[in-house]
Amino acid sequence: MSLPLFKPCASSFYRGTRVIAPLSAAAKPLLSSLSQQRWSSHSPMGSPSGTSRKKVTLGTLRSMYKKNEPIAVLTAHDFPSAHVADVAGMDIVLVGDSLAMVALGMEDTSEVLVEEMLLHCKSVARATTAAFTVGDLPMGSYEISPMQALETAIRFVKEGRVQGVKLEGGKEMAATIEKITRAGIPVLAHIGLTPQRQNALGGFRVQGKTSDSAMRVLEDALAIQEAGSFAVVVEAVPAEVASLITKELSIPTIGIGAGNGCSGQVLVQTDMTGNFPPGRFLPKFVKQYGNVWGDNFHAIKSYRQEVKARQYPAPEHTYPISQDAAHAFAAAVAEKTSARQSPFGSE
């Protein structure tokens, strides 16, 4: 028995537009099935594959920390990169301001604007169903005052749709961190090498290499912990120093170039997947787990070659038409062509 998908209403025509009544319950599954047949390249990424997992919350992260389970953190800058990070099981997905370089082609992180970060945060947030998402506050959006920082953080939550924010700095940012956390927004702090301050640090230099400088890093860590940070990124610090700092804190440390003694690790996804051309400089702490650039290059090169050779698209990549319809169309075109070429036109 066939089911009508739509039921015309009384008075169902107005200015040539047909008004359709709501679907019957029995017809909805059929329409849902039909709607999956998309003939356009503009299609969504689809639902994540594999077993779904529970949403990662601050409670989840605290539990992992107490059990000494390492916290896996990875950056993402758009829907596809966040989608794969989330499905692969990342605990935290960070929309890092490193996207200034890896996604926008800028020289360093100081160029990226709040509006640009928010756009990328929205894209990442749409893809992450399980991971805890954190947005990086860009340079100039939080340093002026705690109130400025809170206003920016609120925008990241309301507009960017992330669950927490990250900011750089130690003791001098304690009041700012406290202001944001008191408003109910989780803060991931960042100490050691702080890239937004590279000019003041003399470049991208390892921090904490002497006893005095290591003590300053520890003092920063204790201050931001007291201010309410839920965790702290420790960047480019000797492993022994980072390990001791981790033991002195009661919040997780997320290492990047800080050894294996931290509570977790973070890397820039573009770096660790190898999504860059040969010869690009990589920091010492980066381990390259893939060769996305090489795979993409060979795929795109093969596509170009097949287009040039007319090998693509093959018959299996085209939409069918019956031979009768094709012959009828060819005959109609021939007739029109003949009529245009005739000096007398068609009668």
C-alpha atoms as a PDB file:
ATOM      1  CA  MET A   1       0.000   0.000   0.000  1.00  0.00           C
ATOM      2  CA  SER A   2       1.426   3.365  -0.964  1.00  0.00           C
ATOM      3  CA  LEU A   3       1.403   6.175   1.567  1.00  0.00           C
ATOM      4  CA  PRO A   4       0.724   9.758   0.542  1.00  0.00           C
ATOM      5  CA  LEU A   5       3.569  11.924   1.760  1.00  0.00           C
ATOM      6  CA  PHE A   6       1.528  15.129   1.774  1.00  0.00           C
ATOM      7  CA  LYS A   7      -2.121  15.906   2.342  1.00  0.00           C
ATOM      8  CA  PRO A   8      -3.524  18.942   0.515  1.00  0.00           C
ATOM      9  CA  CYS A   9      -5.460  21.320   2.754  1.00  0.00           C
ATOM     10  CA  ALA A  10      -8.769  22.866   1.865  1.00  0.00           C
ATOM     11  CA  SER A  11      -8.139  26.205   0.181  1.00  0.00           C
ATOM     12  CA  SER A  12      -4.759  24.817  -0.723  1.00  0.00           C
ATOM     13  CA  PHE A  13      -3.947  27.186  -3.538  1.00  0.00           C
ATOM     14  CA  TYR A  14      -3.135  30.857  -3.176  1.00  0.00           C
ATOM     15  CA  ARG A  15      -1.390  32.821  -5.898  1.00  0.00           C
ATOM     16  CA  GLY A  16      -0.153  29.592  -7.410  1.00  0.00           C
ATOM     17  CA  THR A  17       1.433  28.254  -4.193  1.00  0.00           C
ATOM     18  CA  ARG A  18       0.226  24.978  -2.797  1.00  0.00           C
ATOM     19  CA  VAL A  19      -0.117  24.799   0.979  1.00  0.00           C
ATOM     20  CA  ILE A  20       0.932  21.461   2.442  1.00  0.00           C
ATOM     21  CA  ALA A  21      -0.524  19.993   5.614  1.00  0.00           C
ATOM     22  CA  PRO A  22       1.751  18.461   8.274  1.00  0.00           C
ATOM     23  CA  LEU A  23       3.051  14.981   7.559  1.00  0.00           C
ATOM     24  CA  SER A  24       1.304  11.971   8.971  1.00  0.00           C
ATOM     25  CA  ALA A  25       3.312   9.971  11.519  1.00  0.00           C
ATOM     26  CA  ALA A  26       3.561   7.029   9.125  1.00  0.00           C
ATOM     27  CA  ALA A  27       4.940   9.169   6.300  1.00  0.00           C
ATOM     28  CA  LYS A  28       7.730  10.849   8.287  1.00  0.00           C
ATOM     29  CA  PRO A  29      10.181   7.895   8.269  1.00  0.00           C
ATOM     30  CA  LEU A  30       9.789   7.563   4.501  1.00  0.00           C
ATOM     31  CA  LEU A  31      10.469  11.258   3.923  1.00  0.00           C
ATOM     32  CA  SER A  32      13.465  11.054   6.278  1.00  0.00           C
ATOM     33  CA  SER A  33      14.859   8.233   4.161  1.00  0.00           C
ATOM     34  CA  LEU A  34      14.336  10.183   0.959  1.00  0.00           C
ATOM     35  CA  SER A  35      15.997  13.266   2.422  1.00  0.00           C
ATOM     36  CA  GLN A  36      19.248  11.317   2.827  1.00  0.00           C
ATOM     37  CA  GLN A  37      19.618  11.083  -0.957  1.00  0.00           C
ATOM     38  CA  ARG A  38      21.632  14.218  -1.667  1.00  0.00           C
ATOM     39  CA  TRP A  39      22.722  15.021  -5.194  1.00  0.00           C
ATOM     40  CA  SER A  40      24.817  18.072  -4.351  1.00  0.00           C
ATOM     41  CA  SER A  41      28.438  18.429  -3.250  1.00  0.00           C
ATOM     42  CA  HIS A  42      27.197  20.832  -0.559  1.00  0.00           C
ATOM     43  CA  SER A  43      26.492  18.164   2.039  1.00  0.00           C
ATOM     44  CA  PRO A  44      27.092  18.092   5.800  1.00  0.00           C
ATOM     45  CA  MET A  45      29.952  16.156   7.382  1.00  0.00           C
ATOM     46  CA  GLY A  46      27.533  13.621   8.815  1.00  0.00           C
ATOM     47  CA  SER A  47      27.237  12.053  12.229  1.00  0.00           C
ATOM     48  CA  PRO A  48      30.403  10.982  14.064  1.00  0.00           C
ATOM     49  CA  SER A  49      31.167   7.304  13.612  1.00  0.00           C
ATOM     50  CA  GLY A  50      31.946   4.855  16.371  1.00  0.00           C
ATOM     51  CA  THR A  51      30.687   4.589  19.903  1.00  0.00           C
ATOM     52  CA  SER A  52      29.405   7.824  21.394  1.00  0.00           C
ATOM     53  CA  ARG A  53      30.946   8.932  24.673  1.00  0.00           C
ATOM     54  CA  LYS A  54      29.781  11.103  27.517  1.00  0.00           C
ATOM     55  CA  LYS A  55      30.339  14.827  27.434  1.00  0.00           C
ATOM     56  CA  VAL A  56      33.629  15.842  29.066  1.00  0.00           C
ATOM     57  CA  THR A  57      33.016  18.355  31.853  1.00  0.00           C
ATOM     58  CA  LEU A  58      35.150  20.015  34.502  1.00  0.00           C
ATOM     59  CA  GLY A  59      34.060  17.179  36.785  1.00  0.00           C
ATOM     60  CA  THR A  60      35.383  14.673  34.241  1.00  0.00           C
ATOM     61  CA  LEU A  61      38.725  16.465  34.083  1.00  0.00           C
ATOM     62  CA  ARG A  62      39.008  16.631  37.875  1.00  0.00           C
ATOM     63  CA  SER A  63      38.272  12.917  38.103  1.00  0.00           C
ATOM     64  CA  MET A  64      40.944  12.138  35.522  1.00  0.00           C
ATOM     65  CA  TYR A  65      43.409  14.279  37.446  1.00  0.00           C
ATOM     66  CA  LYS A  66      42.673  12.518  40.729  1.00  0.00           C
ATOM     67  CA  LYS A  67      43.118   9.113  39.067  1.00  0.00           C
ATOM     68  CA  ASN A  68      46.392  10.283  37.483  1.00  0.00           C
ATOM     69  CA  GLU A  69      44.940   9.671  34.035  1.00  0.00           C
ATOM     70  CA  PRO A  70      46.720  11.894  31.469  1.00  0.00           C
ATOM     71  CA  ILE A  71      44.520  14.539  29.836  1.00  0.00           C
ATOM     72  CA  ALA A  72      44.729  14.605  26.024  1.00  0.00           C
ATOM     73  CA  VAL A  73      44.404  18.082  24.500  1.00  0.00           C
ATOM     74  CA  LEU A  74      44.609  19.080  20.842  1.00  0.00           C
ATOM     75  CA  THR A  75      44.012  22.290  18.936  1.00  0.00           C
ATOM     76  CA  ALA A  76      41.402  22.653  16.201  1.00  0.00           C
ATOM     77  CA  HIS A  77      40.561  25.657  14.077  1.00  0.00           C
ATOM     78  CA  ASP A  78      37.521  24.646  12.024  1.00  0.00           C
ATOM     79  CA  PHE A  79      34.721  22.092  11.740  1.00  0.00           C
ATOM     80  CA  PRO A  80      36.718  19.281  10.057  1.00  0.00           C
ATOM     81  CA  SER A  81      39.713  19.527  12.403  1.00  0.00           C
ATOM     82  CA  ALA A  82      37.431  19.650  15.453  1.00  0.00           C
ATOM     83  CA  HIS A  83      35.281  16.814  14.134  1.00  0.00           C
ATOM     84  CA  VAL A  84      38.205  14.420  13.802  1.00  0.00           C
ATOM     85  CA  ALA A  85      39.674  15.470  17.174  1.00  0.00           C
ATOM     86  CA  ASP A  86      36.353  14.885  18.915  1.00  0.00           C
ATOM     87  CA  VAL A  87      35.709  11.497  17.288  1.00  0.00           C
ATOM     88  CA  ALA A  88      39.310  10.433  18.018  1.00  0.00           C
ATOM     89  CA  GLY A  89      38.612  10.932  21.725  1.00  0.00           C
ATOM     90  CA  MET A  90      40.321  14.180  22.709  1.00  0.00           C
ATOM     91  CA  ASP A  91      39.418  15.274  26.239  1.00  0.00           C
ATOM     92  CA  ILE A  92      39.862  18.982  25.491  1.00  0.00           C
ATOM     93  CA  VAL A  93      39.730  20.676  22.093  1.00  0.00           C
ATOM     94  CA  LEU A  94      41.464  24.046  22.182  1.00  0.00           C
ATOM     95  CA  VAL A  95      40.733  26.747  19.625  1.00  0.00           C
ATOM     96  CA  GLY A  96      44.248  28.116  19.945  1.00  0.00           C
ATOM     97  CA  ASP A  97      45.365  31.476  18.670  1.00  0.00           C
ATOM     98  CA  SER A  98      47.955  29.483  16.710  1.00  0.00           C
ATOM     99  CA  LEU A  99      45.228  29.447  14.057  1.00  0.00           C
ATOM    100  CA  ALA A 100      46.565  32.896  13.169  1.00  0.00           C
ATOM    101  CA  MET A 101      49.462  31.132  11.475  1.00  0.00           C
ATOM    102  CA  VAL A 102      48.135  27.672  10.578  1.00  0.00           C
ATOM    103  CA  ALA A 103      44.681  28.737   9.331  1.00  0.00           C
ATOM    104  CA  LEU A 104      44.974  32.415   8.407  1.00  0.00           C
ATOM    105  CA  GLY A 105      48.581  32.637   7.195  1.00  0.00           C
ATOM    106  CA  MET A 106      49.617  35.363   9.625  1.00  0.00           C
ATOM    107  CA  GLU A 107      53.157  35.898  10.890  1.00  0.00           C
ATOM    108  CA  ASP A 108      52.361  35.329  14.564  1.00  0.00           C
ATOM    109  CA  THR A 109      49.509  35.199  17.071  1.00  0.00           C
ATOM    110  CA  SER A 110      49.540  38.933  17.793  1.00  0.00           C
ATOM    111  CA  GLU A 111      47.666  39.664  14.539  1.00  0.00           C
ATOM    112  CA  VAL A 112      44.506  37.652  15.100  1.00  0.00           C
ATOM    113  CA  LEU A 113      41.376  39.548  16.206  1.00  0.00           C
ATOM    114  CA  VAL A 114      38.558  38.664  18.593  1.00  0.00           C
ATOM    115  CA  GLU A 115      36.041  38.483  15.732  1.00  0.00           C
ATOM    116  CA  GLU A 116      38.266  36.050  13.839  1.00  0.00           C
ATOM    117  CA  MET A 117      38.715  33.859  16.903  1.00  0.00           C
ATOM    118  CA  LEU A 118      34.966  33.850  17.515  1.00  0.00           C
ATOM    119  CA  LEU A 119      34.266  32.700  13.970  1.00  0.00           C
ATOM    120  CA  HIS A 120      36.625  29.746  14.396  1.00  0.00           C
ATOM    121  CA  CYS A 121      35.251  28.965  17.862  1.00  0.00           C
ATOM    122  CA  LYS A 122      31.735  28.694  16.425  1.00  0.00           C
ATOM    123  CA  SER A 123      32.936  26.313  13.733  1.00  0.00           C
ATOM    124  CA  VAL A 124      34.765  24.106  16.249  1.00  0.00           C
ATOM    125  CA  ALA A 125      31.848  24.151  18.696  1.00  0.00           C
ATOM    126  CA  ARG A 126      29.491  22.783  16.026  1.00  0.00           C
ATOM    127  CA  ALA A 127      31.705  19.717  15.617  1.00  0.00           C
ATOM    128  CA  THR A 128      32.471  18.835  19.228  1.00  0.00           C
ATOM    129  CA  THR A 129      29.812  16.749  20.920  1.00  0.00           C
ATOM    130  CA  ALA A 130      31.956  15.215  23.674  1.00  0.00           C
ATOM    131  CA  ALA A 131      35.222  17.129  24.159  1.00  0.00           C
ATOM    132  CA  PHE A 132      35.465  20.108  26.513  1.00  0.00           C
ATOM    133  CA  THR A 133      36.061  23.158  24.303  1.00  0.00           C
ATOM    134  CA  VAL A 134      38.294  26.096  25.202  1.00  0.00           C
ATOM    135  CA  GLY A 135      38.822  29.315  23.248  1.00  0.00           C
ATOM    136  CA  ASP A 136      42.077  31.277  23.320  1.00  0.00           C
ATOM    137  CA  LEU A 137      41.682  34.960  24.169  1.00  0.00           C
ATOM    138  CA  PRO A 138      43.802  36.854  21.610  1.00  0.00           C
ATOM    139  CA  MET A 139      46.364  39.488  22.435  1.00  0.00           C
ATOM    140  CA  GLY A 140      44.786  42.846  23.269  1.00  0.00           C
ATOM    141  CA  SER A 141      41.442  41.416  24.360  1.00  0.00           C
ATOM    142  CA  TYR A 142      42.098  40.882  28.075  1.00  0.00           C
ATOM    143  CA  GLU A 143      45.247  42.685  29.267  1.00  0.00           C
ATOM    144  CA  ILE A 144      43.833  46.186  29.820  1.00  0.00           C
ATOM    145  CA  SER A 145      41.683  45.309  32.811  1.00  0.00           C
ATOM    146  CA  PRO A 146      39.873  42.390  34.454  1.00  0.00           C
ATOM    147  CA  MET A 147      36.586  43.876  33.236  1.00  0.00           C
ATOM    148  CA  GLN A 148      37.791  43.918  29.637  1.00  0.00           C
ATOM    149  CA  ALA A 149      38.860  40.295  30.015  1.00  0.00           C
ATOM    150  CA  LEU A 150      35.485  39.292  31.457  1.00  0.00           C
ATOM    151  CA  GLU A 151      33.631  41.014  28.630  1.00  0.00           C
ATOM    152  CA  THR A 152      35.729  39.148  26.069  1.00  0.00           C
ATOM    153  CA  ALA A 153      35.318  35.844  27.906  1.00  0.00           C
ATOM    154  CA  ILE A 154      31.537  36.283  27.948  1.00  0.00           C
ATOM    155  CA  ARG A 155      31.569  36.807  24.181  1.00  0.00           C
ATOM    156  CA  PHE A 156      33.558  33.599  23.726  1.00  0.00           C
ATOM    157  CA  VAL A 157      30.948  31.643  25.671  1.00  0.00           C
ATOM    158  CA  LYS A 158      27.842  33.329  24.251  1.00  0.00           C
ATOM    159  CA  GLU A 159      28.976  33.858  20.651  1.00  0.00           C
ATOM    160  CA  GLY A 160      31.829  31.389  20.270  1.00  0.00           C
ATOM    161  CA  ARG A 161      29.890  28.615  22.087  1.00  0.00           C
ATOM    162  CA  VAL A 162      32.971  27.302  23.930  1.00  0.00           C
ATOM    163  CA  GLN A 163      32.889  26.045  27.518  1.00  0.00           C
ATOM    164  CA  GLY A 164      36.009  27.806  28.777  1.00  0.00           C
ATOM    165  CA  VAL A 165      38.695  30.324  27.834  1.00  0.00           C
ATOM    166  CA  LYS A 166      42.490  30.357  27.887  1.00  0.00           C
ATOM    167  CA  LEU A 167      44.723  33.322  28.578  1.00  0.00           C
ATOM    168  CA  GLU A 168      48.448  33.840  28.934  1.00  0.00           C
ATOM    169  CA  GLY A 169      50.275  35.172  31.980  1.00  0.00           C
ATOM    170  CA  GLY A 170      51.096  34.366  35.578  1.00  0.00           C
ATOM    171  CA  LYS A 171      50.928  36.408  38.779  1.00  0.00           C
ATOM    172  CA  GLU A 172      50.073  39.605  36.926  1.00  0.00           C
ATOM    173  CA  MET A 173      46.923  37.946  35.508  1.00  0.00           C
ATOM    174  CA  ALA A 174      45.653  36.537  38.828  1.00  0.00           C
ATOM    175  CA  ALA A 175      43.071  39.285  39.364  1.00  0.00           C
ATOM    176  CA  THR A 176      41.851  38.836  35.794  1.00  0.00           C
ATOM    177  CA  ILE A 177      41.500  35.066  36.168  1.00  0.00           C
ATOM    178  CA  GLU A 178      39.617  35.533  39.431  1.00  0.00           C
ATOM    179  CA  LYS A 179      37.248  38.027  37.782  1.00  0.00           C
ATOM    180  CA  ILE A 180      36.410  35.596  34.972  1.00  0.00           C
ATOM    181  CA  THR A 181      36.047  32.503  37.150  1.00  0.00           C
ATOM    182  CA  ARG A 182      33.816  34.335  39.635  1.00  0.00           C
ATOM    183  CA  ALA A 183      31.481  34.961  36.711  1.00  0.00           C
ATOM    184  CA  GLY A 184      31.245  31.201  36.181  1.00  0.00           C
ATOM    185  CA  ILE A 185      33.556  30.862  33.182  1.00  0.00           C
ATOM    186  CA  PRO A 186      36.308  28.222  33.472  1.00  0.00           C
ATOM    187  CA  VAL A 187      39.834  29.497  32.777  1.00  0.00           C
ATOM    188  CA  LEU A 188      42.782  27.530  31.418  1.00  0.00           C
ATOM    189  CA  ALA A 189      45.909  29.498  32.294  1.00  0.00           C
ATOM    190  CA  HIS A 190      49.175  29.524  30.310  1.00  0.00           C
ATOM    191  CA  ILE A 191      52.642  30.060  31.800  1.00  0.00           C
ATOM    192  CA  GLY A 192      56.278  29.473  30.857  1.00  0.00           C
ATOM    193  CA  LEU A 193      56.797  30.491  27.253  1.00  0.00           C
ATOM    194  CA  THR A 194      53.844  32.729  26.411  1.00  0.00           C
ATOM    195  CA  PRO A 195      53.880  33.285  22.613  1.00  0.00           C
ATOM    196  CA  GLN A 196      51.818  36.477  22.739  1.00  0.00           C
ATOM    197  CA  ARG A 197      54.684  38.021  24.742  1.00  0.00           C
ATOM    198  CA  GLN A 198      57.513  36.726  22.571  1.00  0.00           C
ATOM    199  CA  ASN A 199      58.888  40.221  22.011  1.00  0.00           C
ATOM    200  CA  ALA A 200      59.260  40.793  25.739  1.00  0.00           C
ATOM    201  CA  LEU A 201      60.797  37.350  26.183  1.00  0.00           C
ATOM    202  CA  GLY A 202      63.369  37.869  23.446  1.00  0.00           C
ATOM    203  CA  GLY A 203      61.711  35.408  21.102  1.00  0.00           C
ATOM    204  CA  PHE A 204      60.508  31.838  21.503  1.00  0.00           C
ATOM    205  CA  ARG A 205      62.908  30.890  24.290  1.00  0.00           C
ATOM    206  CA  VAL A 206      62.781  28.077  26.832  1.00  0.00           C
ATOM    207  CA  GLN A 207      61.767  29.369  30.267  1.00  0.00           C
ATOM    208  CA  GLY A 208      62.831  28.167  33.727  1.00  0.00           C
ATOM    209  CA  LYS A 209      66.375  27.141  32.787  1.00  0.00           C
ATOM    210  CA  THR A 210      67.882  28.605  35.964  1.00  0.00           C
ATOM    211  CA  SER A 211      66.828  28.139  39.570  1.00  0.00           C
ATOM    212  CA  ASP A 212      65.571  31.723  39.815  1.00  0.00           C
ATOM    213  CA  SER A 213      63.605  31.649  36.577  1.00  0.00           C
ATOM    214  CA  ALA A 214      62.193  28.216  37.440  1.00  0.00           C
ATOM    215  CA  MET A 215      61.015  29.612  40.772  1.00  0.00           C
ATOM    216  CA  ARG A 216      59.232  32.439  38.936  1.00  0.00           C
ATOM    217  CA  VAL A 217      57.377  29.896  36.826  1.00  0.00           C
ATOM    218  CA  LEU A 218      56.337  28.042  39.999  1.00  0.00           C
ATOM    219  CA  GLU A 219      55.185  31.290  41.619  1.00  0.00           C
ATOM    220  CA  ASP A 220      53.117  32.034  38.514  1.00  0.00           C
ATOM    221  CA  ALA A 221      51.580  28.559  38.693  1.00  0.00           C
ATOM    222  CA  LEU A 222      50.638  28.927  42.357  1.00  0.00           C
ATOM    223  CA  ALA A 223      49.156  32.379  41.759  1.00  0.00           C
ATOM    224  CA  ILE A 224      46.914  31.324  38.877  1.00  0.00           C
ATOM    225  CA  GLN A 225      45.844  28.241  40.844  1.00  0.00           C
ATOM    226  CA  GLU A 226      44.836  30.458  43.764  1.00  0.00           C
ATOM    227  CA  ALA A 227      42.955  32.706  41.329  1.00  0.00           C
ATOM    228  CA  GLY A 228      40.734  29.803  40.260  1.00  0.00           C
ATOM    229  CA  SER A 229      42.148  28.328  37.041  1.00  0.00           C
ATOM    230  CA  PHE A 230      40.935  24.772  36.448  1.00  0.00           C
ATOM    231  CA  ALA A 231      44.247  23.841  34.760  1.00  0.00           C
ATOM    232  CA  VAL A 232      47.414  25.453  33.412  1.00  0.00           C
ATOM    233  CA  VAL A 233      49.361  25.056  30.189  1.00  0.00           C
ATOM    234  CA  VAL A 234      53.105  24.896  30.864  1.00  0.00           C
ATOM    235  CA  GLU A 235      55.070  25.637  27.693  1.00  0.00           C
ATOM    236  CA  ALA A 236      58.762  25.254  26.855  1.00  0.00           C
ATOM    237  CA  VAL A 237      59.991  24.506  30.374  1.00  0.00           C
ATOM    238  CA  PRO A 238      62.601  21.836  31.254  1.00  0.00           C
ATOM    239  CA  ALA A 239      60.975  18.507  32.097  1.00  0.00           C
ATOM    240  CA  GLU A 240      62.420  18.420  35.622  1.00  0.00           C
ATOM    241  CA  VAL A 241      61.023  21.879  36.392  1.00  0.00           C
ATOM    242  CA  ALA A 242      57.593  21.083  34.963  1.00  0.00           C
ATOM    243  CA  SER A 243      57.443  17.828  36.909  1.00  0.00           C
ATOM    244  CA  LEU A 244      58.216  19.568  40.209  1.00  0.00           C
ATOM    245  CA  ILE A 245      55.654  22.288  39.472  1.00  0.00           C
ATOM    246  CA  THR A 246      53.059  19.604  38.707  1.00  0.00           C
ATOM    247  CA  LYS A 247      53.695  17.996  42.094  1.00  0.00           C
ATOM    248  CA  GLU A 248      53.317  21.335  43.882  1.00  0.00           C
ATOM    249  CA  LEU A 249      49.916  22.091  42.335  1.00  0.00           C
ATOM    250  CA  SER A 250      46.455  20.709  42.992  1.00  0.00           C
ATOM    251  CA  ILE A 251      45.224  21.447  39.447  1.00  0.00           C
ATOM    252  CA  PRO A 252      46.279  19.702  36.211  1.00  0.00           C
ATOM    253  CA  THR A 253      49.293  20.898  34.229  1.00  0.00           C
ATOM    254  CA  ILE A 254      49.031  20.554  30.450  1.00  0.00           C
ATOM    255  CA  GLY A 255      52.492  20.319  28.983  1.00  0.00           C
ATOM    256  CA  ILE A 256      53.715  21.482  25.597  1.00  0.00           C
ATOM    257  CA  GLY A 257      57.454  21.083  25.412  1.00  0.00           C
ATOM    258  CA  ALA A 258      57.510  20.465  29.166  1.00  0.00           C
ATOM    259  CA  GLY A 259      58.214  16.734  29.436  1.00  0.00           C
ATOM    260  CA  ASN A 260      56.189  13.695  30.414  1.00  0.00           C
ATOM    261  CA  GLY A 261      55.663  14.604  34.061  1.00  0.00           C
ATOM    262  CA  CYS A 262      52.724  16.925  33.406  1.00  0.00           C
ATOM    263  CA  SER A 263      49.087  15.950  33.979  1.00  0.00           C
ATOM    264  CA  GLY A 264      48.383  16.063  30.264  1.00  0.00           C
ATOM    265  CA  GLN A 265      49.734  17.142  26.898  1.00  0.00           C
ATOM    266  CA  VAL A 266      48.693  19.514  24.122  1.00  0.00           C
ATOM    267  CA  LEU A 267      49.904  19.881  20.550  1.00  0.00           C
ATOM    268  CA  VAL A 268      48.913  21.967  17.566  1.00  0.00           C
ATOM    269  CA  GLN A 269      46.979  19.609  15.297  1.00  0.00           C
ATOM    270  CA  THR A 270      48.531  20.941  12.089  1.00  0.00           C
ATOM    271  CA  ASP A 271      52.001  20.174  13.475  1.00  0.00           C
ATOM    272  CA  MET A 272      51.371  16.660  14.760  1.00  0.00           C
ATOM    273  CA  THR A 273      49.411  15.517  11.683  1.00  0.00           C
ATOM    274  CA  GLY A 274      52.075  16.801   9.278  1.00  0.00           C
ATOM    275  CA  ASN A 275      49.705  19.146   7.480  1.00  0.00           C
ATOM    276  CA  PHE A 276      52.419  21.455   6.167  1.00  0.00           C
ATOM    277  CA  PRO A 277      54.889  21.560   3.254  1.00  0.00           C
ATOM    278  CA  PRO A 278      58.344  19.993   3.550  1.00  0.00           C
ATOM    279  CA  GLY A 279      60.996  22.188   5.117  1.00  0.00           C
ATOM    280  CA  ARG A 280      58.748  23.974   7.601  1.00  0.00           C
ATOM    281  CA  PHE A 281      60.373  24.515  10.999  1.00  0.00           C
ATOM    282  CA  LEU A 282      58.961  22.423  13.841  1.00  0.00           C
ATOM    283  CA  PRO A 283      59.672  22.958  17.535  1.00  0.00           C
ATOM    284  CA  LYS A 284      61.749  20.222  19.185  1.00  0.00           C
ATOM    285  CA  PHE A 285      58.820  18.954  21.242  1.00  0.00           C
ATOM    286  CA  VAL A 286      56.592  18.169  18.245  1.00  0.00           C
ATOM    287  CA  LYS A 287      56.201  14.542  17.215  1.00  0.00           C
ATOM    288  CA  GLN A 288      54.779  14.162  13.725  1.00  0.00           C
ATOM    289  CA  TYR A 289      52.183  11.381  13.738  1.00  0.00           C
ATOM    290  CA  GLY A 290      51.065  11.706  10.116  1.00  0.00           C
ATOM    291  CA  ASN A 291      51.749  13.209   6.709  1.00  0.00           C
ATOM    292  CA  VAL A 292      48.498  14.943   5.816  1.00  0.00           C
ATOM    293  CA  TRP A 293      50.268  17.351   3.463  1.00  0.00           C
ATOM    294  CA  GLY A 294      51.814  14.466   1.506  1.00  0.00           C
ATOM    295  CA  ASP A 295      48.523  12.576   1.302  1.00  0.00           C
ATOM    296  CA  ASN A 296      46.649  15.684   0.171  1.00  0.00           C
ATOM    297  CA  PHE A 297      49.346  16.612  -2.343  1.00  0.00           C
ATOM    298  CA  HIS A 298      49.320  13.202  -4.004  1.00  0.00           C
ATOM    299  CA  ALA A 299      45.508  13.063  -4.042  1.00  0.00           C
ATOM    300  CA  ILE A 300      45.188  16.508  -5.607  1.00  0.00           C
ATOM    301  CA  LYS A 301      47.956  15.817  -8.108  1.00  0.00           C
ATOM    302  CA  SER A 302      46.237  12.555  -9.147  1.00  0.00           C
ATOM    303  CA  TYR A 303      42.948  14.414  -9.554  1.00  0.00           C
ATOM    304  CA  ARG A 304      44.591  17.007 -11.817  1.00  0.00           C
ATOM    305  CA  GLN A 305      46.217  14.315 -13.943  1.00  0.00           C
ATOM    306  CA  GLU A 306      42.950  12.429 -14.384  1.00  0.00           C
ATOM    307  CA  VAL A 307      41.082  15.601 -15.320  1.00  0.00           C
ATOM    308  CA  LYS A 308      43.730  16.467 -17.918  1.00  0.00           C
ATOM    309  CA  ALA A 309      43.581  12.904 -19.306  1.00  0.00           C
ATOM    310  CA  ARG A 310      39.760  12.840 -19.242  1.00  0.00           C
ATOM    311  CA  GLN A 311      39.888   9.808 -16.961  1.00  0.00           C
ATOM    312  CA  TYR A 312      37.733  11.583 -14.402  1.00  0.00           C
ATOM    313  CA  PRO A 313      34.797  11.546 -14.104  1.00  0.00           C
ATOM    314  CA  ALA A 314      34.303   7.878 -15.035  1.00  0.00           C
ATOM    315  CA  PRO A 315      30.832   6.429 -15.734  1.00  0.00           C
ATOM    316  CA  GLU A 316      30.397   5.467 -12.080  1.00  0.00           C
ATOM    317  CA  HIS A 317      30.712   9.128 -11.116  1.00  0.00           C
ATOM    318  CA  THR A 318      27.879  10.364 -13.346  1.00  0.00           C
ATOM    319  CA  TYR A 319      24.091  10.400 -13.017  1.00  0.00           C
ATOM    320  CA  PRO A 320      22.097   7.971 -15.216  1.00  0.00           C
ATOM    321  CA  ILE A 321      19.532   8.731 -17.897  1.00  0.00           C
ATOM    322  CA  SER A 322      17.555   6.207 -19.913  1.00  0.00           C
ATOM    323  CA  GLN A 323      18.660   5.652 -23.517  1.00  0.00           C
ATOM    324  CA  ASP A 324      15.190   6.586 -24.775  1.00  0.00           C
ATOM    325  CA  ALA A 325      15.361   9.928 -22.975  1.00  0.00           C
ATOM    326  CA  ALA A 326      18.907  10.544 -24.180  1.00  0.00           C
ATOM    327  CA  HIS A 327      17.969   9.769 -27.813  1.00  0.00           C
ATOM    328  CA  ALA A 328      14.894  11.969 -27.577  1.00  0.00           C
ATOM    329  CA  PHE A 329      16.969  14.847 -26.202  1.00  0.00           C
ATOM    330  CA  ALA A 330      19.612  14.408 -28.924  1.00  0.00           C
ATOM    331  CA  ALA A 331      16.919  14.412 -31.616  1.00  0.00           C
ATOM    332  CA  ALA A 332      15.330  17.554 -30.165  1.00  0.00           C
ATOM    333  CA  VAL A 333      18.707  19.321 -30.087  1.00  0.00           C
ATOM    334  CA  ALA A 334      19.428  18.252 -33.685  1.00  0.00           C
ATOM    335  CA  GLU A 335      16.049  19.594 -34.800  1.00  0.00           C
ATOM    336  CA  LYS A 336      16.635  22.950 -33.099  1.00  0.00           C
ATOM    337  CA  THR A 337      20.149  23.169 -34.561  1.00  0.00           C
ATOM    338  CA  SER A 338      18.844  22.411 -38.039  1.00  0.00           C
ATOM    339  CA  ALA A 339      16.116  25.032 -37.658  1.00  0.00           C
ATOM    340  CA  ARG A 340      18.644  27.685 -36.616  1.00  0.00           C
ATOM    341  CA  GLN A 341      20.880  26.877 -39.562  1.00  0.00           C
ATOM    342  CA  SER A 342      18.012  26.906 -42.118  1.00  0.00           C
ATOM    343  CA  PRO A 343      17.610  30.283 -43.889  1.00  0.00           C
ATOM    344  CA  PHE A 344      13.850  29.842 -43.752  1.00  0.00           C
ATOM    345  CA  GLY A 345      13.609  28.920 -40.065  1.00  0.00           C
ATOM    346  CA  SER A 346      11.047  26.449 -38.842  1.00  0.00           C
ATOM    347  CA  GLU A 347       7.444  26.415 -39.959  1.00  0.00           C
END
